[in-house]
Amino acid sequence: VTWGASIPSGDTKDFAAGTSWRNFTIEYSNFFRSNASWGFSAGWNVFSDRVEDVTSSFEGIDISGTHVRYVNAFPLLATGRYYLVGGGRGGARRGSTGFWVGAGAGALIAENRVDVGTITAKETKWHLAVAPEAGVSYGMSRDFALFGQAKWTYGFKSGDMAPSYFNFNVGVAWRN
């Protein structure tokens, strides 16, 4: 389970430029080797921005005024990780530090929304997505660890948008 900061890039930054502290991810990993795992990841990232006195065209409609823009991004990814020194299946020992690199691939649902007064316009698109990542963990016990993670999520172009953003997360991991 992770929480952290998201920094928009590319089309996401053009639409809603603000750094977000509103993101949450749940992940599952299963070791198939002592230093490699497969799994899945599901997340929710919210970006927002306030733009004064602007006119925009959104789904064929021109909207003028102060825009409050939101991007809700929901990545649903199959993941793979390779655990370096101190990581992996045996790496969750008290006081141990582990490192990993990995990637995810799957779908990204992105909703762009503009609120102008009482009017809301939104557009939702599905994107093929990839997400390379790197992380570090610190074992608190055999079954519990704290970790940090850096990830770049990129959704391939669908329609006229290709959402992308960087995540810097902290989380907790446990195994049963």
C-alpha atoms as a PDB file:
ATOM      1  CA  VAL A   1       0.000   0.000   0.000  1.00  0.00           C
ATOM      2  CA  THR A   2       1.515   3.348  -1.016  1.00  0.00           C
ATOM      3  CA  TRP A   3       0.850   7.071  -0.753  1.00  0.00           C
ATOM      4  CA  GLY A   4       2.911   9.992  -2.015  1.00  0.00           C
ATOM      5  CA  ALA A   5       3.349  12.855  -4.445  1.00  0.00           C
ATOM      6  CA  SER A   6       2.551  12.871  -8.150  1.00  0.00           C
ATOM      7  CA  ILE A   7       4.109  15.358 -10.552  1.00  0.00           C
ATOM      8  CA  PRO A   8       2.311  15.720 -13.901  1.00  0.00           C
ATOM      9  CA  SER A   9       4.241  15.642 -17.168  1.00  0.00           C
ATOM     10  CA  GLY A  10       3.359  15.962 -20.855  1.00  0.00           C
ATOM     11  CA  ASP A  11      -0.360  16.308 -21.663  1.00  0.00           C
ATOM     12  CA  THR A  12      -1.301  15.909 -17.987  1.00  0.00           C
ATOM     13  CA  LYS A  13       0.856  18.921 -17.052  1.00  0.00           C
ATOM     14  CA  ASP A  14      -0.609  20.944 -19.940  1.00  0.00           C
ATOM     15  CA  PHE A  15      -4.120  20.316 -18.594  1.00  0.00           C
ATOM     16  CA  ALA A  16      -3.590  20.358 -14.785  1.00  0.00           C
ATOM     17  CA  ALA A  17      -0.112  21.533 -13.827  1.00  0.00           C
ATOM     18  CA  GLY A  18      -0.293  21.211 -10.041  1.00  0.00           C
ATOM     19  CA  THR A  19       1.726  18.672  -8.048  1.00  0.00           C
ATOM     20  CA  SER A  20      -0.635  16.289  -6.293  1.00  0.00           C
ATOM     21  CA  TRP A  21      -0.527  14.728  -2.834  1.00  0.00           C
ATOM     22  CA  ARG A  22      -3.723  12.841  -3.648  1.00  0.00           C
ATOM     23  CA  ASN A  23      -2.672   9.419  -4.831  1.00  0.00           C
ATOM     24  CA  PHE A  24      -3.043   5.932  -3.493  1.00  0.00           C
ATOM     25  CA  THR A  25      -1.889   2.543  -4.810  1.00  0.00           C
ATOM     26  CA  ILE A  26      -2.481  -1.063  -3.806  1.00  0.00           C
ATOM     27  CA  GLU A  27      -0.034  -3.660  -5.122  1.00  0.00           C
ATOM     28  CA  TYR A  28       0.369  -7.420  -4.962  1.00  0.00           C
ATOM     29  CA  SER A  29       3.600  -9.318  -5.707  1.00  0.00           C
ATOM     30  CA  ASN A  30       4.279 -13.056  -5.864  1.00  0.00           C
ATOM     31  CA  PHE A  31       7.834 -14.409  -6.030  1.00  0.00           C
ATOM     32  CA  PHE A  32       8.532 -16.944  -8.764  1.00  0.00           C
ATOM     33  CA  ARG A  33      12.288 -16.837  -7.999  1.00  0.00           C
ATOM     34  CA  SER A  34      14.120 -15.670  -4.911  1.00  0.00           C
ATOM     35  CA  ASN A  35      14.969 -12.365  -6.657  1.00  0.00           C
ATOM     36  CA  ALA A  36      12.040 -11.880  -9.092  1.00  0.00           C
ATOM     37  CA  SER A  37       8.299 -11.370  -8.728  1.00  0.00           C
ATOM     38  CA  TRP A  38       5.183 -10.787 -10.802  1.00  0.00           C
ATOM     39  CA  GLY A  39       2.058  -9.023  -9.608  1.00  0.00           C
ATOM     40  CA  PHE A  40      -0.463  -6.296 -10.246  1.00  0.00           C
ATOM     41  CA  SER A  41      -1.006  -2.707  -9.236  1.00  0.00           C
ATOM     42  CA  ALA A  42      -4.139  -0.529  -9.045  1.00  0.00           C
ATOM     43  CA  GLY A  43      -3.955   3.164  -8.261  1.00  0.00           C
ATOM     44  CA  TRP A  44      -5.769   6.475  -8.164  1.00  0.00           C
ATOM     45  CA  ASN A  45      -4.010   9.798  -8.843  1.00  0.00           C
ATOM     46  CA  VAL A  46      -5.782  13.174  -8.768  1.00  0.00           C
ATOM     47  CA  PHE A  47      -4.311  16.324 -10.316  1.00  0.00           C
ATOM     48  CA  SER A  48      -5.937  19.757 -10.197  1.00  0.00           C
ATOM     49  CA  ASP A  49      -5.275  23.296 -11.349  1.00  0.00           C
ATOM     50  CA  ARG A  50      -7.115  26.627 -11.285  1.00  0.00           C
ATOM     51  CA  VAL A  51      -6.828  28.786 -14.416  1.00  0.00           C
ATOM     52  CA  GLU A  52      -8.277  32.332 -14.364  1.00  0.00           C
ATOM     53  CA  ASP A  53     -10.224  33.945 -17.260  1.00  0.00           C
ATOM     54  CA  VAL A  54      -9.675  31.480 -20.079  1.00  0.00           C
ATOM     55  CA  THR A  55     -11.664  30.084 -22.998  1.00  0.00           C
ATOM     56  CA  SER A  56     -11.264  26.416 -23.888  1.00  0.00           C
ATOM     57  CA  SER A  57     -12.851  24.067 -26.360  1.00  0.00           C
ATOM     58  CA  PHE A  58     -13.840  20.765 -24.738  1.00  0.00           C
ATOM     59  CA  GLU A  59     -15.726  18.131 -26.737  1.00  0.00           C
ATOM     60  CA  GLY A  60     -16.864  20.769 -29.253  1.00  0.00           C
ATOM     61  CA  ILE A  61     -18.058  23.291 -26.626  1.00  0.00           C
ATOM     62  CA  ASP A  62     -16.322  26.603 -25.861  1.00  0.00           C
ATOM     63  CA  ILE A  63     -16.174  27.357 -22.122  1.00  0.00           C
ATOM     64  CA  SER A  64     -15.092  30.779 -20.793  1.00  0.00           C
ATOM     65  CA  GLY A  65     -14.344  31.851 -17.219  1.00  0.00           C
ATOM     66  CA  THR A  66     -12.237  30.556 -14.352  1.00  0.00           C
ATOM     67  CA  HIS A  67     -11.526  26.888 -14.949  1.00  0.00           C
ATOM     68  CA  VAL A  68     -10.910  24.384 -12.198  1.00  0.00           C
ATOM     69  CA  ARG A  69      -9.339  21.452 -14.006  1.00  0.00           C
ATOM     70  CA  TYR A  70      -8.976  17.893 -12.726  1.00  0.00           C
ATOM     71  CA  VAL A  71      -7.325  14.758 -14.031  1.00  0.00           C
ATOM     72  CA  ASN A  72      -8.320  11.502 -12.351  1.00  0.00           C
ATOM     73  CA  ALA A  73      -5.932   8.736 -13.451  1.00  0.00           C
ATOM     74  CA  PHE A  74      -6.532   5.066 -12.625  1.00  0.00           C
ATOM     75  CA  PRO A  75      -3.626   2.801 -13.670  1.00  0.00           C
ATOM     76  CA  LEU A  76      -4.358  -0.962 -13.723  1.00  0.00           C
ATOM     77  CA  LEU A  77      -1.055  -2.725 -14.382  1.00  0.00           C
ATOM     78  CA  ALA A  78       0.531  -6.174 -14.468  1.00  0.00           C
ATOM     79  CA  THR A  79       3.960  -5.795 -12.843  1.00  0.00           C
ATOM     80  CA  GLY A  80       7.332  -7.460 -12.728  1.00  0.00           C
ATOM     81  CA  ARG A  81      10.245  -6.709 -10.409  1.00  0.00           C
ATOM     82  CA  TYR A  82      13.859  -7.768 -10.146  1.00  0.00           C
ATOM     83  CA  TYR A  83      15.300  -7.506  -6.635  1.00  0.00           C
ATOM     84  CA  LEU A  84      18.921  -6.468  -6.269  1.00  0.00           C
ATOM     85  CA  VAL A  85      21.268  -6.874  -3.291  1.00  0.00           C
ATOM     86  CA  GLY A  86      19.370  -7.325  -0.012  1.00  0.00           C
ATOM     87  CA  GLY A  87      15.954  -7.623  -1.613  1.00  0.00           C
ATOM     88  CA  GLY A  88      13.795 -10.451  -2.776  1.00  0.00           C
ATOM     89  CA  ARG A  89      12.069 -13.281  -0.996  1.00  0.00           C
ATOM     90  CA  GLY A  90      14.677 -13.524   1.767  1.00  0.00           C
ATOM     91  CA  GLY A  91      15.297  -9.780   2.069  1.00  0.00           C
ATOM     92  CA  ALA A  92      12.563  -8.868   4.562  1.00  0.00           C
ATOM     93  CA  ARG A  93      14.696  -9.233   7.692  1.00  0.00           C
ATOM     94  CA  ARG A  94      14.848  -6.711  10.484  1.00  0.00           C
ATOM     95  CA  GLY A  95      17.343  -3.985   9.601  1.00  0.00           C
ATOM     96  CA  SER A  96      17.917  -5.186   6.023  1.00  0.00           C
ATOM     97  CA  THR A  97      17.827  -2.823   3.063  1.00  0.00           C
ATOM     98  CA  GLY A  98      16.774  -3.997  -0.379  1.00  0.00           C
ATOM     99  CA  PHE A  99      16.602  -2.435  -3.827  1.00  0.00           C
ATOM    100  CA  TRP A 100      14.504  -3.282  -6.884  1.00  0.00           C
ATOM    101  CA  VAL A 101      13.818  -2.229 -10.439  1.00  0.00           C
ATOM    102  CA  GLY A 102      10.680  -3.138 -12.298  1.00  0.00           C
ATOM    103  CA  ALA A 103       7.982  -2.197 -14.729  1.00  0.00           C
ATOM    104  CA  GLY A 104       4.249  -2.405 -15.182  1.00  0.00           C
ATOM    105  CA  ALA A 105       2.111  -2.637 -18.302  1.00  0.00           C
ATOM    106  CA  GLY A 106      -1.643  -2.510 -18.744  1.00  0.00           C
ATOM    107  CA  ALA A 107      -4.394   0.085 -18.875  1.00  0.00           C
ATOM    108  CA  LEU A 108      -4.733   3.654 -17.650  1.00  0.00           C
ATOM    109  CA  ILE A 109      -8.188   5.206 -17.358  1.00  0.00           C
ATOM    110  CA  ALA A 110      -7.882   9.006 -17.467  1.00  0.00           C
ATOM    111  CA  GLU A 111     -10.733  11.427 -16.860  1.00  0.00           C
ATOM    112  CA  ASN A 112     -10.152  15.099 -17.722  1.00  0.00           C
ATOM    113  CA  ARG A 113     -12.732  17.388 -16.115  1.00  0.00           C
ATOM    114  CA  VAL A 114     -13.270  21.155 -16.272  1.00  0.00           C
ATOM    115  CA  ASP A 115     -15.556  22.967 -13.822  1.00  0.00           C
ATOM    116  CA  VAL A 116     -16.636  26.498 -14.744  1.00  0.00           C
ATOM    117  CA  GLY A 117     -19.164  27.774 -12.227  1.00  0.00           C
ATOM    118  CA  THR A 118     -21.962  25.205 -12.182  1.00  0.00           C
ATOM    119  CA  ILE A 119     -21.014  23.690 -15.552  1.00  0.00           C
ATOM    120  CA  THR A 120     -18.886  20.561 -15.755  1.00  0.00           C
ATOM    121  CA  ALA A 121     -17.408  19.067 -18.914  1.00  0.00           C
ATOM    122  CA  LYS A 122     -15.489  15.808 -18.789  1.00  0.00           C
ATOM    123  CA  GLU A 123     -13.911  13.280 -21.090  1.00  0.00           C
ATOM    124  CA  THR A 124     -12.803   9.769 -20.129  1.00  0.00           C
ATOM    125  CA  LYS A 125     -10.375   7.684 -22.196  1.00  0.00           C
ATOM    126  CA  TRP A 126      -8.714   4.281 -21.839  1.00  0.00           C
ATOM    127  CA  HIS A 127      -4.985   4.156 -22.645  1.00  0.00           C
ATOM    128  CA  LEU A 128      -2.411   1.413 -22.978  1.00  0.00           C
ATOM    129  CA  ALA A 129       0.163   2.218 -20.303  1.00  0.00           C
ATOM    130  CA  VAL A 130       3.678   1.416 -19.109  1.00  0.00           C
ATOM    131  CA  ALA A 131       5.309   2.297 -15.798  1.00  0.00           C
ATOM    132  CA  PRO A 132       9.041   1.746 -15.137  1.00  0.00           C
ATOM    133  CA  GLU A 133       9.980   1.992 -11.458  1.00  0.00           C
ATOM    134  CA  ALA A 134      12.777   1.721  -8.905  1.00  0.00           C
ATOM    135  CA  GLY A 135      12.479   1.259  -5.170  1.00  0.00           C
ATOM    136  CA  VAL A 136      14.177   0.683  -1.858  1.00  0.00           C
ATOM    137  CA  SER A 137      12.860  -1.224   1.168  1.00  0.00           C
ATOM    138  CA  TYR A 138      13.816  -1.429   4.826  1.00  0.00           C
ATOM    139  CA  GLY A 139      12.863  -4.537   6.773  1.00  0.00           C
ATOM    140  CA  MET A 140      11.168  -3.853  10.107  1.00  0.00           C
ATOM    141  CA  SER A 141      10.672  -7.577  10.794  1.00  0.00           C
ATOM    142  CA  ARG A 142      10.533 -10.825   8.802  1.00  0.00           C
ATOM    143  CA  ASP A 143       6.997 -10.050   7.592  1.00  0.00           C
ATOM    144  CA  PHE A 144       6.854  -6.225   7.493  1.00  0.00           C
ATOM    145  CA  ALA A 145       8.841  -3.563   5.592  1.00  0.00           C
ATOM    146  CA  LEU A 146       8.746   0.147   4.803  1.00  0.00           C
ATOM    147  CA  PHE A 147       9.620   1.211   1.276  1.00  0.00           C
ATOM    148  CA  GLY A 148      10.090   4.130  -1.078  1.00  0.00           C
ATOM    149  CA  GLN A 149       9.330   4.017  -4.781  1.00  0.00           C
ATOM    150  CA  ALA A 150       9.849   6.235  -7.829  1.00  0.00           C
ATOM    151  CA  LYS A 151       7.675   5.485 -10.859  1.00  0.00           C
ATOM    152  CA  TRP A 152       6.901   7.116 -14.208  1.00  0.00           C
ATOM    153  CA  THR A 153       3.476   6.235 -15.617  1.00  0.00           C
ATOM    154  CA  TYR A 154       2.891   6.859 -19.314  1.00  0.00           C
ATOM    155  CA  GLY A 155      -0.403   6.324 -21.129  1.00  0.00           C
ATOM    156  CA  PHE A 156      -0.132   6.027 -24.907  1.00  0.00           C
ATOM    157  CA  LYS A 157      -2.158   8.501 -26.935  1.00  0.00           C
ATOM    158  CA  SER A 158      -5.908   7.868 -27.131  1.00  0.00           C
ATOM    159  CA  GLY A 159      -7.882  10.613 -28.845  1.00  0.00           C
ATOM    160  CA  ASP A 160      -5.948  13.820 -28.274  1.00  0.00           C
ATOM    161  CA  MET A 161      -4.347  13.046 -24.918  1.00  0.00           C
ATOM    162  CA  ALA A 162      -1.458  10.940 -23.642  1.00  0.00           C
ATOM    163  CA  PRO A 163      -1.437  11.191 -19.824  1.00  0.00           C
ATOM    164  CA  SER A 164       1.851  10.853 -17.956  1.00  0.00           C
ATOM    165  CA  TYR A 165       3.165  11.594 -14.482  1.00  0.00           C
ATOM    166  CA  PHE A 166       5.882  10.787 -11.960  1.00  0.00           C
ATOM    167  CA  ASN A 167       5.080   9.211  -8.584  1.00  0.00           C
ATOM    168  CA  PHE A 168       7.279   9.400  -5.497  1.00  0.00           C
ATOM    169  CA  ASN A 169       5.644   7.078  -2.978  1.00  0.00           C
ATOM    170  CA  VAL A 170       6.200   5.703   0.483  1.00  0.00           C
ATOM    171  CA  GLY A 171       4.481   2.537   1.597  1.00  0.00           C
ATOM    172  CA  VAL A 172       4.250  -0.469   3.800  1.00  0.00           C
ATOM    173  CA  ALA A 173       4.588  -4.074   2.701  1.00  0.00           C
ATOM    174  CA  TRP A 174       3.780  -7.296   4.497  1.00  0.00           C
ATOM    175  CA  ARG A 175       3.555 -10.942   3.598  1.00  0.00           C
ATOM    176  CA  ASN A 176       1.440 -13.754   4.886  1.00  0.00           C
END
